Amino acid sequence: MYIIIDGVADSGQKADLAVILGSKVNENGTLSERLQKRLETGIDLYKNRRIKIFW
């Protein structure tokens, strides 16, 4: 397991799992831009087999 502290660095390594932290859901029920990007990034990591579990 490795931790990215600043959220910018990416060494391209694989990991067993990724934890996607939440963020704001807008009052109308849509996802905030930040949450949408976090989820998209997690999905991309899983699809590219960089993580085994998407949680």
N, C-alpha and C. Protein backbone atom coordinates (compact mmCIF):
# COMPACT_ATOMS: atom_id res chain seq x y z
N MET A 1 0.84 -1.16 0.00
CA MET A 1 0.00 0.00 0.00
C MET A 1 0.90 1.24 0.00
N TYR A 2 0.45 2.25 -0.67
CA TYR A 2 1.17 3.51 -0.63
C TYR A 2 0.17 4.66 -0.48
N ILE A 3 0.65 5.76 0.03
CA ILE A 3 -0.22 6.90 0.29
C ILE A 3 0.29 8.10 -0.50
N ILE A 4 -0.62 8.77 -1.17
CA ILE A 4 -0.29 10.00 -1.87
C ILE A 4 -0.73 11.15 -0.98
N ILE A 5 0.20 11.93 -0.50
CA ILE A 5 -0.13 12.97 0.47
C ILE A 5 -0.66 14.22 -0.21
N ASP A 6 -0.03 14.65 -1.28
CA ASP A 6 -0.44 15.92 -1.89
C ASP A 6 -1.51 15.75 -2.96
N GLY A 7 -1.83 14.52 -3.33
CA GLY A 7 -2.87 14.28 -4.32
C GLY A 7 -2.44 14.54 -5.75
N VAL A 8 -1.19 14.90 -5.96
CA VAL A 8 -0.72 15.22 -7.30
C VAL A 8 0.22 14.14 -7.84
N ALA A 9 1.03 13.57 -6.97
CA ALA A 9 2.03 12.59 -7.39
C ALA A 9 1.36 11.27 -7.75
N ASP A 10 1.90 10.62 -8.78
CA ASP A 10 1.42 9.30 -9.18
C ASP A 10 2.59 8.54 -9.76
N SER A 11 3.06 7.55 -9.01
CA SER A 11 4.22 6.78 -9.47
C SER A 11 3.83 5.64 -10.40
N GLY A 12 2.53 5.42 -10.61
CA GLY A 12 2.07 4.39 -11.52
C GLY A 12 2.05 3.00 -10.94
N GLN A 13 2.30 2.87 -9.64
CA GLN A 13 2.30 1.55 -9.01
C GLN A 13 0.88 1.01 -8.86
N LYS A 14 0.80 -0.30 -8.68
CA LYS A 14 -0.49 -0.95 -8.43
C LYS A 14 -0.71 -1.06 -6.93
N ALA A 15 -1.98 -1.17 -6.53
CA ALA A 15 -2.33 -1.31 -5.12
C ALA A 15 -3.46 -2.33 -4.99
N ASP A 16 -3.62 -2.87 -3.79
CA ASP A 16 -4.69 -3.82 -3.57
C ASP A 16 -6.07 -3.16 -3.57
N LEU A 17 -6.15 -1.96 -3.05
CA LEU A 17 -7.44 -1.29 -3.00
C LEU A 17 -7.28 0.21 -3.03
N ALA A 18 -8.38 0.89 -3.31
CA ALA A 18 -8.41 2.34 -3.26
C ALA A 18 -9.64 2.74 -2.44
N VAL A 19 -9.48 3.72 -1.60
CA VAL A 19 -10.59 4.27 -0.84
C VAL A 19 -10.86 5.65 -1.40
N ILE A 20 -12.06 5.85 -1.90
CA ILE A 20 -12.45 7.13 -2.48
C ILE A 20 -13.21 7.90 -1.41
N LEU A 21 -12.63 8.99 -0.98
CA LEU A 21 -13.28 9.80 0.05
C LEU A 21 -14.44 10.58 -0.54
N GLY A 22 -15.44 10.80 0.25
CA GLY A 22 -16.62 11.52 -0.20
C GLY A 22 -16.39 13.01 -0.31
N SER A 23 -17.40 13.68 -0.79
CA SER A 23 -17.40 15.13 -0.90
C SER A 23 -18.86 15.57 -1.00
N LYS A 24 -19.07 16.78 -1.34
CA LYS A 24 -20.41 17.36 -1.34
C LYS A 24 -21.32 16.79 -2.44
N VAL A 25 -22.56 16.54 -2.04
CA VAL A 25 -23.62 16.27 -3.00
C VAL A 25 -24.48 17.53 -3.01
N ASN A 26 -24.74 18.07 -4.18
CA ASN A 26 -25.50 19.30 -4.30
C ASN A 26 -26.93 19.13 -3.79
N GLU A 27 -27.57 20.23 -3.45
CA GLU A 27 -28.93 20.19 -2.92
C GLU A 27 -29.92 19.53 -3.86
N ASN A 28 -29.66 19.60 -5.17
CA ASN A 28 -30.57 18.99 -6.14
C ASN A 28 -30.25 17.51 -6.37
N GLY A 29 -29.31 16.96 -5.60
CA GLY A 29 -28.98 15.54 -5.69
C GLY A 29 -27.85 15.20 -6.65
N THR A 30 -27.35 16.17 -7.40
CA THR A 30 -26.24 15.92 -8.32
C THR A 30 -24.92 15.93 -7.54
N LEU A 31 -23.93 15.30 -8.11
CA LEU A 31 -22.62 15.25 -7.48
C LEU A 31 -21.87 16.56 -7.70
N SER A 32 -21.13 16.98 -6.69
CA SER A 32 -20.27 18.13 -6.88
C SER A 32 -19.18 17.76 -7.88
N GLU A 33 -18.58 18.75 -8.48
CA GLU A 33 -17.52 18.49 -9.46
C GLU A 33 -16.38 17.70 -8.83
N ARG A 34 -16.02 18.06 -7.61
CA ARG A 34 -14.92 17.38 -6.92
C ARG A 34 -15.25 15.90 -6.71
N LEU A 35 -16.46 15.59 -6.25
CA LEU A 35 -16.85 14.20 -6.03
C LEU A 35 -16.91 13.44 -7.34
N GLN A 36 -17.43 14.06 -8.37
CA GLN A 36 -17.50 13.42 -9.69
C GLN A 36 -16.10 13.03 -10.17
N LYS A 37 -15.14 13.95 -10.03
CA LYS A 37 -13.76 13.67 -10.47
C LYS A 37 -13.12 12.56 -9.64
N ARG A 38 -13.39 12.53 -8.33
CA ARG A 38 -12.84 11.47 -7.48
C ARG A 38 -13.36 10.11 -7.93
N LEU A 39 -14.64 10.02 -8.17
CA LEU A 39 -15.23 8.76 -8.61
C LEU A 39 -14.71 8.34 -9.97
N GLU A 40 -14.60 9.29 -10.90
CA GLU A 40 -14.06 8.98 -12.23
C GLU A 40 -12.63 8.46 -12.14
N THR A 41 -11.84 9.06 -11.27
CA THR A 41 -10.45 8.63 -11.10
C THR A 41 -10.40 7.21 -10.53
N GLY A 42 -11.24 6.93 -9.54
CA GLY A 42 -11.29 5.59 -8.98
C GLY A 42 -11.70 4.55 -10.01
N ILE A 43 -12.68 4.86 -10.81
CA ILE A 43 -13.13 3.95 -11.87
C ILE A 43 -12.02 3.72 -12.88
N ASP A 44 -11.32 4.79 -13.25
CA ASP A 44 -10.20 4.65 -14.20
C ASP A 44 -9.10 3.76 -13.63
N LEU A 45 -8.78 3.93 -12.35
CA LEU A 45 -7.77 3.09 -11.71
C LEU A 45 -8.18 1.62 -11.78
N TYR A 46 -9.45 1.35 -11.50
CA TYR A 46 -9.94 -0.03 -11.54
C TYR A 46 -9.93 -0.59 -12.96
N LYS A 47 -10.42 0.18 -13.90
CA LYS A 47 -10.46 -0.29 -15.29
C LYS A 47 -9.07 -0.55 -15.85
N ASN A 48 -8.09 0.24 -15.41
CA ASN A 48 -6.71 0.08 -15.87
C ASN A 48 -5.93 -0.92 -15.02
N ARG A 49 -6.65 -1.64 -14.17
CA ARG A 49 -6.08 -2.68 -13.31
C ARG A 49 -4.95 -2.19 -12.41
N ARG A 50 -5.07 -0.94 -11.98
CA ARG A 50 -4.08 -0.40 -11.04
C ARG A 50 -4.48 -0.73 -9.60
N ILE A 51 -5.77 -1.07 -9.39
CA ILE A 51 -6.25 -1.50 -8.09
C ILE A 51 -7.10 -2.75 -8.28
N LYS A 52 -7.12 -3.58 -7.24
CA LYS A 52 -7.91 -4.81 -7.31
C LYS A 52 -9.33 -4.58 -6.79
N ILE A 53 -9.48 -3.72 -5.81
CA ILE A 53 -10.78 -3.49 -5.17
C ILE A 53 -11.09 -2.00 -5.21
N PHE A 54 -12.28 -1.69 -5.63
CA PHE A 54 -12.76 -0.30 -5.66
C PHE A 54 -13.81 -0.16 -4.58
N TRP A 55 -13.49 0.59 -3.50
CA TRP A 55 -14.38 0.67 -2.37
C TRP A 55 -14.68 2.09 -2.06
